[in-house]
């Protein structure tokens, strides 16, 4: 598409006062008016002839197969003019659908071997199927009078999944340290309550571990050695309703919870425990059986990617009752959810108390940073004071709900998104160490 630039329009308008003077004072010289218009048009035509051709532009894009939530991935796009003149400056814009944040427009200058490669940063907003719609390019001729635009449709689909890349990096970081729980039996000997073996008593060992019966039989002091119990059920219950679908720092709370849950799922599977996924909004959506072994982790990823956003409120009565009926043995249930006030949390508290009769529940949620910012903001106006008072009241109501959960026997995790995964893993290891299951 070819169009005049702003420079050519101003150049045409500059001659308007002169043309008006000629029309009023010397009508016989009207040919000068036509000459001015013809001169500008001739310059525009000359600029078009010297400009780079749109049909000669080749565009090659290398789109990734996957995008990860809360991550950023570069997409290299190569622009090539095999022949003809090269534009000194070219504007480029990559258009995406609503699931991917629109990349910033780029200005291309300089060519190497008649080609230039620009990297566009893709940042997903929501899980689903992202799409690269089209790429827009625009440049001007050497005189800057004519603008040439080329639009190339792309229609490339990219799957947006939970951030398993971050999960792998965090898992490697965790297992590089001296973890209390590992995949090898000898790494967790001495901790736990499950009998492992008898060994000769040496100085420094707990005297309460001495097995007097076997010591008398073998005529030497023998002590019992224990190891951590395995094969616990870890159930990740996700509230996919309206509150969890809201963004937190540009990423939905649900996706932040999924990333942290996948990290804990990897750790628990590697530790010998079993995991299951349960999602619900107004009704249960994703329900899986317990999975065992690190080979089941890809299946856990696929189940987590099926947790879709919902605009409905969570039905705790139906969801938690259905979950309790599926569990045949005592399990660790990690409930990822959120609430606004004590009134909206009443049904949740009632149903969590029923789960606590048989299971151990960890209530996991995020800190409300918006309320904290309102409280800590400088009171420059009366509205700031009112806003801070209301925010402080809402935070106090959250604390009331947390204290009621703790009195019932549930454990509560409330922290910032960047610490959520590590806090979750630390709480799981602490539960294992204290043998609460």
Protein backbone atom coordinates (compact mmCIF):
# COMPACT_ATOMS: atom_id res chain seq x y z
CA UNK A 1 0.00 0.00 0.00
CA UNK A 2 1.34 3.41 -1.03
CA UNK A 3 0.32 6.67 0.66
CA UNK A 4 1.68 10.23 1.00
CA UNK A 5 3.66 11.04 4.11
CA UNK A 6 3.10 13.97 6.44
CA UNK A 7 6.05 15.72 4.82
CA UNK A 8 4.43 15.68 1.39
CA UNK A 9 1.16 16.95 2.83
CA UNK A 10 2.93 19.89 4.49
CA UNK A 11 4.81 20.59 1.29
CA UNK A 12 1.53 20.78 -0.57
CA UNK A 13 0.01 23.04 2.09
CA UNK A 14 2.97 25.42 1.98
CA UNK A 15 1.94 26.44 -1.54
CA UNK A 16 -1.69 27.15 -0.61
CA UNK A 17 -1.12 30.80 0.54
CA UNK A 18 0.84 31.50 -2.66
CA UNK A 19 -1.90 29.95 -4.77
CA UNK A 20 -4.54 32.11 -3.03
CA UNK A 21 -2.54 35.28 -3.68
CA UNK A 22 -2.19 34.38 -7.38
CA UNK A 23 -5.90 33.59 -7.64
CA UNK A 24 -6.87 37.02 -6.18
CA UNK A 25 -4.15 39.35 -7.49
CA UNK A 26 -3.18 37.80 -10.84
CA UNK A 27 -5.72 35.26 -12.10
CA UNK A 28 -3.91 35.11 -15.42
CA UNK A 29 -1.03 33.37 -13.75
CA UNK A 30 -3.19 30.45 -12.60
CA UNK A 31 -0.86 28.09 -14.42
CA UNK A 32 1.67 28.62 -11.62
CA UNK A 33 -0.78 26.95 -9.26
CA UNK A 34 -1.00 23.91 -11.47
CA UNK A 35 2.76 23.94 -11.80
CA UNK A 36 3.25 23.82 -8.01
CA UNK A 37 0.92 20.84 -7.68
CA UNK A 38 2.61 19.12 -10.60
CA UNK A 39 6.06 19.72 -9.11
CA UNK A 40 5.09 18.19 -5.75
CA UNK A 41 3.49 15.25 -7.52
CA UNK A 42 6.63 14.78 -9.63
CA UNK A 43 8.79 14.73 -6.49
CA UNK A 44 6.49 12.15 -4.93
CA UNK A 45 6.71 9.99 -8.05
CA UNK A 46 10.51 10.27 -8.09
CA UNK A 47 10.58 9.30 -4.40
CA UNK A 48 8.44 6.26 -5.18
CA UNK A 49 10.76 5.18 -7.98
CA UNK A 50 13.83 5.40 -5.73
CA UNK A 51 12.14 3.64 -2.77
CA UNK A 52 12.45 -0.05 -1.92
CA UNK A 53 9.77 -2.27 -3.49
CA UNK A 54 7.17 -3.92 -1.24
CA UNK A 55 7.01 -7.09 -3.34
CA UNK A 56 10.77 -7.59 -2.93
CA UNK A 57 10.57 -7.78 0.87
CA UNK A 58 10.87 -11.33 2.27
CA UNK A 59 9.85 -11.95 5.89
CA UNK A 60 10.98 -15.07 7.75
CA UNK A 61 9.74 -15.68 11.32
CA UNK A 62 10.84 -18.44 13.72
CA UNK A 63 7.95 -18.80 16.16
CA UNK A 64 8.43 -21.04 19.24
CA UNK A 65 6.27 -24.11 19.69
CA UNK A 66 5.41 -23.19 23.29
CA UNK A 67 5.13 -20.11 25.46
CA UNK A 68 5.31 -20.33 29.24
CA UNK A 69 3.18 -18.28 31.61
CA UNK A 70 5.04 -15.58 33.58
CA UNK A 71 7.93 -15.96 31.12
CA UNK A 72 9.22 -14.09 28.09
CA UNK A 73 10.49 -15.61 24.86
CA UNK A 74 12.15 -13.87 21.90
CA UNK A 75 10.85 -14.40 18.38
CA UNK A 76 13.45 -13.61 15.69
CA UNK A 77 12.06 -12.09 12.50
CA UNK A 78 14.37 -11.68 9.48
CA UNK A 79 13.65 -9.04 6.83
CA UNK A 80 15.44 -9.44 3.50
CA UNK A 81 15.55 -7.40 0.28
CA UNK A 82 17.21 -9.70 -2.30
CA UNK A 83 17.44 -6.90 -4.87
CA UNK A 84 16.70 -3.24 -5.38
CA UNK A 85 17.22 -0.28 -3.07
CA UNK A 86 17.22 -0.65 0.72
CA UNK A 87 15.13 1.58 3.01
CA UNK A 88 17.31 3.60 5.41
CA UNK A 89 14.66 3.23 8.13
CA UNK A 90 11.78 0.77 8.51
CA UNK A 91 9.07 0.51 11.17
CA UNK A 92 7.94 -3.00 12.15
CA UNK A 93 5.04 -4.14 14.34
CA UNK A 94 4.07 -7.72 15.24
CA UNK A 95 0.34 -8.22 15.86
CA UNK A 96 -0.84 -10.94 18.27
CA UNK A 97 -4.17 -12.08 19.69
CA UNK A 98 -5.50 -11.18 23.15
CA UNK A 99 -3.62 -13.97 24.97
CA UNK A 100 -0.19 -12.45 24.21
CA UNK A 101 0.85 -8.94 25.17
CA UNK A 102 1.44 -6.79 22.11
CA UNK A 103 5.22 -6.51 21.46
CA UNK A 104 6.78 -3.10 21.20
CA UNK A 105 7.18 -1.53 17.77
CA UNK A 106 10.72 -1.69 16.39
CA UNK A 107 12.68 0.67 14.18
CA UNK A 108 15.08 -1.13 11.85
CA UNK A 109 18.25 0.68 10.75
CA UNK A 110 21.26 -0.82 9.04
CA UNK A 111 21.47 -3.91 6.84
CA UNK A 112 23.96 -6.75 6.67
CA UNK A 113 24.04 -8.76 3.45
CA UNK A 114 20.72 -7.08 2.56
CA UNK A 115 19.06 -8.59 5.65
CA UNK A 116 18.20 -7.52 9.17
CA UNK A 117 16.99 -9.67 12.09
CA UNK A 118 14.86 -8.19 14.87
CA UNK A 119 13.79 -9.99 18.06
CA UNK A 120 10.26 -9.45 19.33
CA UNK A 121 9.60 -10.37 22.97
CA UNK A 122 6.42 -12.40 23.48
CA UNK A 123 4.90 -12.29 26.96
CA UNK A 124 1.75 -14.41 27.45
CA UNK A 125 -1.13 -12.98 29.45
CA UNK A 126 -3.31 -16.08 29.78
CA UNK A 127 -3.03 -19.78 29.10
CA UNK A 128 -4.60 -21.14 25.93
CA UNK A 129 -3.74 -20.89 22.25
CA UNK A 130 -1.82 -17.76 21.37
CA UNK A 131 -1.70 -16.58 17.79
CA UNK A 132 0.63 -14.43 15.72
CA UNK A 133 -1.88 -12.65 13.49
CA UNK A 134 0.19 -10.57 11.08
CA UNK A 135 3.30 -8.43 10.79
CA UNK A 136 3.18 -4.80 9.65
CA UNK A 137 6.08 -3.05 7.93
CA UNK A 138 6.34 0.56 6.74
CA UNK A 139 9.11 2.63 5.22
CA UNK A 140 9.55 5.83 3.20
CA UNK A 141 11.46 6.80 0.09
CA UNK A 142 14.78 8.68 0.18
CA UNK A 143 12.94 12.04 0.02
CA UNK A 144 10.42 11.03 2.70
CA UNK A 145 7.42 11.97 0.57
CA UNK A 146 5.91 8.52 -0.05
CA UNK A 147 5.13 5.84 2.54
CA UNK A 148 5.08 2.18 1.53
CA UNK A 149 3.33 -0.33 3.77
CA UNK A 150 3.30 -4.12 3.58
CA UNK A 151 1.15 -6.38 5.75
CA UNK A 152 1.91 -10.09 5.81
CA UNK A 153 -0.59 -12.50 7.43
CA UNK A 154 1.00 -15.08 9.72
CA UNK A 155 -1.82 -17.08 11.40
CA UNK A 156 0.65 -19.07 13.50
CA UNK A 157 -0.68 -20.70 16.66
CA UNK A 158 1.43 -21.09 19.81
CA UNK A 159 0.36 -23.14 22.83
CA UNK A 160 0.63 -21.24 26.13
CA UNK A 161 1.29 -23.64 29.01
CA UNK A 162 2.22 -23.44 32.71
CA UNK A 163 5.79 -22.36 33.31
CA UNK A 164 7.47 -25.76 33.52
CA UNK A 165 10.77 -24.11 32.60
CA UNK A 166 10.76 -22.28 35.93
CA UNK A 167 9.75 -25.51 37.67
CA UNK A 168 12.76 -27.35 36.23
CA UNK A 169 15.15 -24.56 37.18
CA UNK A 170 13.82 -24.40 40.73
CA UNK A 171 13.92 -28.20 41.05
CA UNK A 172 17.56 -28.28 39.96
CA UNK A 173 18.37 -25.54 42.44
CA UNK A 174 16.64 -27.39 45.27
CA UNK A 175 18.32 -30.73 44.61
CA UNK A 176 21.73 -29.15 44.25
CA UNK A 177 21.56 -28.29 47.92
CA UNK A 178 21.75 -30.78 50.77
CA UNK A 179 18.04 -31.59 50.87
CA UNK A 180 16.55 -33.49 53.77
CA UNK A 181 14.56 -35.74 51.46
CA UNK A 182 15.97 -37.37 48.36
CA UNK A 183 15.17 -40.17 46.02
CA UNK A 184 17.78 -42.49 47.50
CA UNK A 185 16.95 -44.37 50.67
CA UNK A 186 20.25 -43.69 52.38
CA UNK A 187 19.75 -39.93 52.11
CA UNK A 188 16.87 -39.91 54.61
CA UNK A 189 18.00 -42.55 57.08
CA UNK A 190 17.79 -41.44 60.65
CA UNK A 191 14.73 -39.27 60.07
CA UNK A 192 11.15 -40.43 60.27
CA UNK A 193 9.34 -43.31 61.93
CA UNK A 194 9.55 -46.20 59.45
CA UNK A 195 11.98 -48.93 60.57
CA UNK A 196 14.85 -49.44 58.13
CA UNK A 197 17.65 -51.51 59.70
CA UNK A 198 19.66 -52.39 62.80
CA UNK A 199 23.18 -51.10 63.20
CA UNK A 200 25.84 -51.18 65.90
CA UNK A 201 25.39 -48.47 68.48
CA UNK A 202 28.14 -45.83 68.45
CA UNK A 203 28.76 -42.75 70.54
CA UNK A 204 26.51 -39.88 69.57
CA UNK A 205 23.47 -41.97 68.67
CA UNK A 206 20.19 -41.58 70.53
CA UNK A 207 20.11 -44.08 73.40
CA UNK A 208 16.35 -44.41 73.03
CA UNK A 209 16.96 -46.14 69.69
CA UNK A 210 18.76 -49.10 71.36
CA UNK A 211 16.99 -52.41 70.73
CA UNK A 212 17.68 -54.23 74.00
CA UNK A 213 16.14 -57.51 72.87
CA UNK A 214 18.35 -57.86 69.80
CA UNK A 215 21.33 -56.48 71.71
CA UNK A 216 21.00 -59.27 74.27
CA UNK A 217 20.66 -61.88 71.53
CA UNK A 218 23.76 -60.72 69.65
CA UNK A 219 25.70 -59.70 72.79
CA UNK A 220 26.40 -56.22 71.41
CA UNK A 221 24.57 -52.93 71.52
CA UNK A 222 22.33 -52.56 68.48
CA UNK A 223 20.22 -49.52 67.63
CA UNK A 224 17.24 -49.15 65.32
CA UNK A 225 17.63 -46.97 62.26
CA UNK A 226 14.59 -45.30 60.78
CA UNK A 227 13.74 -43.67 57.49
CA UNK A 228 11.11 -41.28 56.28
CA UNK A 229 7.75 -42.77 55.44
CA UNK A 230 6.74 -42.62 51.79
CA UNK A 231 3.65 -43.12 49.61
CA UNK A 232 1.68 -40.22 51.08
CA UNK A 233 -1.15 -38.76 49.02
CA UNK A 234 -0.65 -35.11 48.04
CA UNK A 235 -3.77 -33.55 46.51
CA UNK A 236 -3.58 -30.15 44.78
CA UNK A 237 -7.05 -28.55 44.88
CA UNK A 238 -7.32 -25.47 42.64
CA UNK A 239 -10.07 -22.91 42.85
CA UNK A 240 -10.40 -21.78 39.21
CA UNK A 241 -13.19 -19.31 39.91
CA UNK A 242 -13.47 -15.57 39.51
CA UNK A 243 -11.11 -14.46 42.27
CA UNK A 244 -8.30 -16.80 41.25
CA UNK A 245 -8.61 -15.72 37.61
CA UNK A 246 -7.79 -12.12 38.48
CA UNK A 247 -4.28 -10.92 37.57
CA UNK A 248 -1.60 -10.42 40.21
CA UNK A 249 1.43 -8.56 38.92
CA UNK A 250 0.24 -9.10 35.34
CA UNK A 251 -0.19 -12.89 35.77
CA UNK A 252 -3.43 -14.57 36.91
CA UNK A 253 -3.32 -15.94 40.45
CA UNK A 254 -4.31 -19.36 39.11
CA UNK A 255 -1.21 -19.55 36.91
CA UNK A 256 1.07 -18.53 39.77
CA UNK A 257 -0.50 -21.24 41.91
CA UNK A 258 -0.09 -23.83 39.14
CA UNK A 259 3.61 -23.03 38.74
CA UNK A 260 4.23 -23.46 42.47
CA UNK A 261 2.14 -26.62 42.59
CA UNK A 262 4.09 -28.17 39.72
CA UNK A 263 7.32 -27.50 41.60
CA UNK A 264 5.98 -29.23 44.70
CA UNK A 265 4.55 -32.06 42.56
CA UNK A 266 8.01 -32.73 41.14
CA UNK A 267 9.58 -32.70 44.62
CA UNK A 268 6.89 -34.95 46.11
CA UNK A 269 6.98 -37.44 43.23
CA UNK A 270 10.74 -37.65 43.50
CA UNK A 271 10.41 -38.19 47.27
CA UNK A 272 8.24 -41.25 46.72
CA UNK A 273 4.84 -39.69 47.42
CA UNK A 274 1.78 -39.71 45.17
CA UNK A 275 0.02 -36.66 43.74
CA UNK A 276 -3.39 -35.83 42.32
CA UNK A 277 -4.95 -32.76 40.66
CA UNK A 278 -8.42 -31.43 41.48
CA UNK A 279 -9.93 -28.28 39.97
CA UNK A 280 -13.28 -26.63 40.65
CA UNK A 281 -15.30 -23.46 40.23
CA UNK A 282 -19.10 -23.73 40.47
CA UNK A 283 -18.62 -27.48 39.97
CA UNK A 284 -15.64 -29.86 39.84
CA UNK A 285 -13.82 -29.71 36.51
CA UNK A 286 -10.46 -31.53 36.48
CA UNK A 287 -10.24 -34.68 38.62
CA UNK A 288 -7.40 -37.18 38.48
CA UNK A 289 -6.39 -40.30 40.31
CA UNK A 290 -3.17 -40.42 42.33
CA UNK A 291 0.02 -40.58 40.25
CA UNK A 292 3.31 -42.14 41.34
CA UNK A 293 6.93 -41.73 40.25
CA UNK A 294 8.80 -38.97 38.45
CA UNK A 295 7.67 -40.47 35.13
CA UNK A 296 4.16 -39.25 35.95
CA UNK A 297 5.23 -35.60 36.04
CA UNK A 298 4.43 -34.93 32.32
CA UNK A 299 0.91 -36.22 32.97
CA UNK A 300 0.62 -33.83 35.93
CA UNK A 301 1.66 -31.00 33.59
CA UNK A 302 -1.06 -31.91 31.09
CA UNK A 303 -3.68 -32.05 33.84
CA UNK A 304 -2.58 -28.65 35.16
CA UNK A 305 -2.83 -27.12 31.69
CA UNK A 306 -6.49 -28.19 31.57
CA UNK A 307 -7.36 -25.92 34.50
CA UNK A 308 -9.25 -23.17 32.71
CA UNK A 309 -10.24 -19.69 33.90
CA UNK A 310 -13.80 -19.14 35.05
CA UNK A 311 -16.00 -16.13 35.81
CA UNK A 312 -18.12 -18.08 38.32
CA UNK A 313 -17.70 -18.13 42.09
CA UNK A 314 -16.30 -21.26 43.72
CA UNK A 315 -18.79 -23.74 45.17
CA UNK A 316 -16.85 -25.09 48.15
CA UNK A 317 -19.66 -27.33 49.37
CA UNK A 318 -19.96 -29.30 46.15
CA UNK A 319 -16.24 -29.30 45.38
CA UNK A 320 -14.80 -30.29 48.76
CA UNK A 321 -17.55 -32.84 49.39
CA UNK A 322 -16.79 -34.46 46.04
CA UNK A 323 -13.06 -34.40 46.82
CA UNK A 324 -13.56 -36.00 50.25
CA UNK A 325 -15.62 -38.82 48.73
CA UNK A 326 -12.78 -39.68 46.32
CA UNK A 327 -10.06 -39.98 48.99
CA UNK A 328 -9.83 -43.37 50.68
CA UNK A 329 -6.87 -42.64 52.98
CA UNK A 330 -5.49 -39.70 54.93
CA UNK A 331 -4.01 -37.18 52.52
CA UNK A 332 -2.31 -33.82 52.41
CA UNK A 333 -4.74 -31.45 50.64
CA UNK A 334 -3.26 -28.17 49.43
CA UNK A 335 -6.11 -25.77 48.70
CA UNK A 336 -5.24 -22.89 46.36
CA UNK A 337 -7.98 -20.30 46.69
CA UNK A 338 -8.77 -16.73 47.71
CA UNK A 339 -11.56 -14.81 49.42
CA UNK A 340 -12.66 -11.22 49.93
CA UNK A 341 -14.17 -11.04 53.43
CA UNK A 342 -15.34 -13.19 56.31
CA UNK A 343 -18.84 -13.53 54.86
CA UNK A 344 -17.62 -15.04 51.60
CA UNK A 345 -15.29 -17.33 53.56
CA UNK A 346 -17.97 -18.88 55.81
CA UNK A 347 -18.87 -21.76 53.47
CA UNK A 348 -15.20 -22.41 52.81
CA UNK A 349 -14.43 -22.63 56.53
CA UNK A 350 -17.36 -24.95 57.14
CA UNK A 351 -16.29 -27.40 54.43
CA UNK A 352 -12.59 -27.23 55.31
CA UNK A 353 -13.47 -28.19 58.88
CA UNK A 354 -15.08 -31.39 57.55
CA UNK A 355 -11.94 -32.25 55.59
CA UNK A 356 -9.80 -31.74 58.68
CA UNK A 357 -11.59 -34.58 60.47
CA UNK A 358 -9.60 -37.04 58.35
CA UNK A 359 -7.06 -35.13 56.27
CA UNK A 360 -4.36 -32.49 56.68
CA UNK A 361 -5.21 -29.25 54.85
CA UNK A 362 -2.82 -26.50 53.81
CA UNK A 363 -4.58 -23.27 52.83
CA UNK A 364 -2.39 -21.50 50.25
CA UNK A 365 -3.10 -17.96 49.08
CA UNK A 366 -1.29 -14.78 48.04
CA UNK A 367 -0.77 -11.60 49.98
CA UNK A 368 -3.05 -8.77 48.89
CA UNK A 369 -0.36 -6.32 47.86
CA UNK A 370 -2.92 -3.74 46.69
CA UNK A 371 -4.37 -3.45 50.20
CA UNK A 372 -0.90 -3.19 51.74
CA UNK A 373 0.02 -0.39 49.34
CA UNK A 374 -3.14 1.52 50.27
CA UNK A 375 -2.30 1.27 53.96
CA UNK A 376 1.33 2.33 53.52
CA UNK A 377 0.54 5.17 51.08
CA UNK A 378 1.14 8.75 52.29
CA UNK A 379 -2.18 10.38 53.35
CA UNK A 380 -2.04 13.38 51.04
CA UNK A 381 -5.84 13.73 50.87
CA UNK A 382 -8.92 12.73 52.82
CA UNK A 383 -9.65 10.01 50.25
CA UNK A 384 -6.27 8.41 50.99
CA UNK A 385 -7.14 8.17 54.68
CA UNK A 386 -10.55 6.62 53.95
CA UNK A 387 -8.98 4.18 51.51
CA UNK A 388 -6.33 3.16 54.05
CA UNK A 389 -8.94 2.59 56.78
CA UNK A 390 -11.07 0.38 54.52
CA UNK A 391 -8.00 -1.57 53.37
CA UNK A 392 -6.90 -2.11 56.96
CA UNK A 393 -10.38 -3.42 57.83
CA UNK A 394 -10.25 -5.91 54.96
CA UNK A 395 -6.80 -7.12 56.03
CA UNK A 396 -8.03 -7.60 59.59
CA UNK A 397 -10.90 -9.71 58.26
CA UNK A 398 -8.40 -11.85 56.34
CA UNK A 399 -6.42 -12.34 59.54
CA UNK A 400 -9.61 -13.45 61.33
CA UNK A 401 -10.19 -16.12 58.68
CA UNK A 402 -6.56 -17.30 58.89
CA UNK A 403 -6.73 -17.57 62.70
CA UNK A 404 -9.95 -19.61 62.47
CA UNK A 405 -8.30 -21.95 59.98
CA UNK A 406 -5.31 -22.42 62.26
CA UNK A 407 -7.53 -23.09 65.29
CA UNK A 408 -9.33 -25.79 63.29
CA UNK A 409 -5.98 -27.45 62.57
CA UNK A 410 -5.28 -26.25 59.02
CA UNK A 411 -1.95 -24.77 58.03
CA UNK A 412 -1.89 -21.41 56.26
CA UNK A 413 0.55 -20.09 53.65
CA UNK A 414 0.18 -16.43 52.72
CA UNK A 415 3.12 -14.87 50.96
CA UNK A 416 4.21 -12.92 47.91
CA UNK A 417 4.23 -14.54 44.44
CA UNK A 418 8.02 -14.67 44.19
CA UNK A 419 8.28 -16.65 47.45
CA UNK A 420 5.18 -18.78 47.02
CA UNK A 421 6.89 -21.82 45.49
CA UNK A 422 9.72 -21.98 48.02
CA UNK A 423 7.31 -21.52 50.94
CA UNK A 424 5.16 -24.34 49.62
CA UNK A 425 8.08 -26.75 49.32
CA UNK A 426 9.41 -25.77 52.76
CA UNK A 427 6.03 -26.40 54.35
CA UNK A 428 5.77 -29.80 52.66
CA UNK A 429 9.23 -30.81 53.92
CA UNK A 430 8.35 -29.58 57.40
CA UNK A 431 5.18 -31.68 57.41
CA UNK A 432 7.16 -34.73 56.35
CA UNK A 433 9.80 -34.07 58.98
CA UNK A 434 7.23 -33.69 61.76
CA UNK A 435 5.36 -36.79 60.54
CA UNK A 436 1.99 -35.00 60.53
CA UNK A 437 0.68 -37.40 57.90
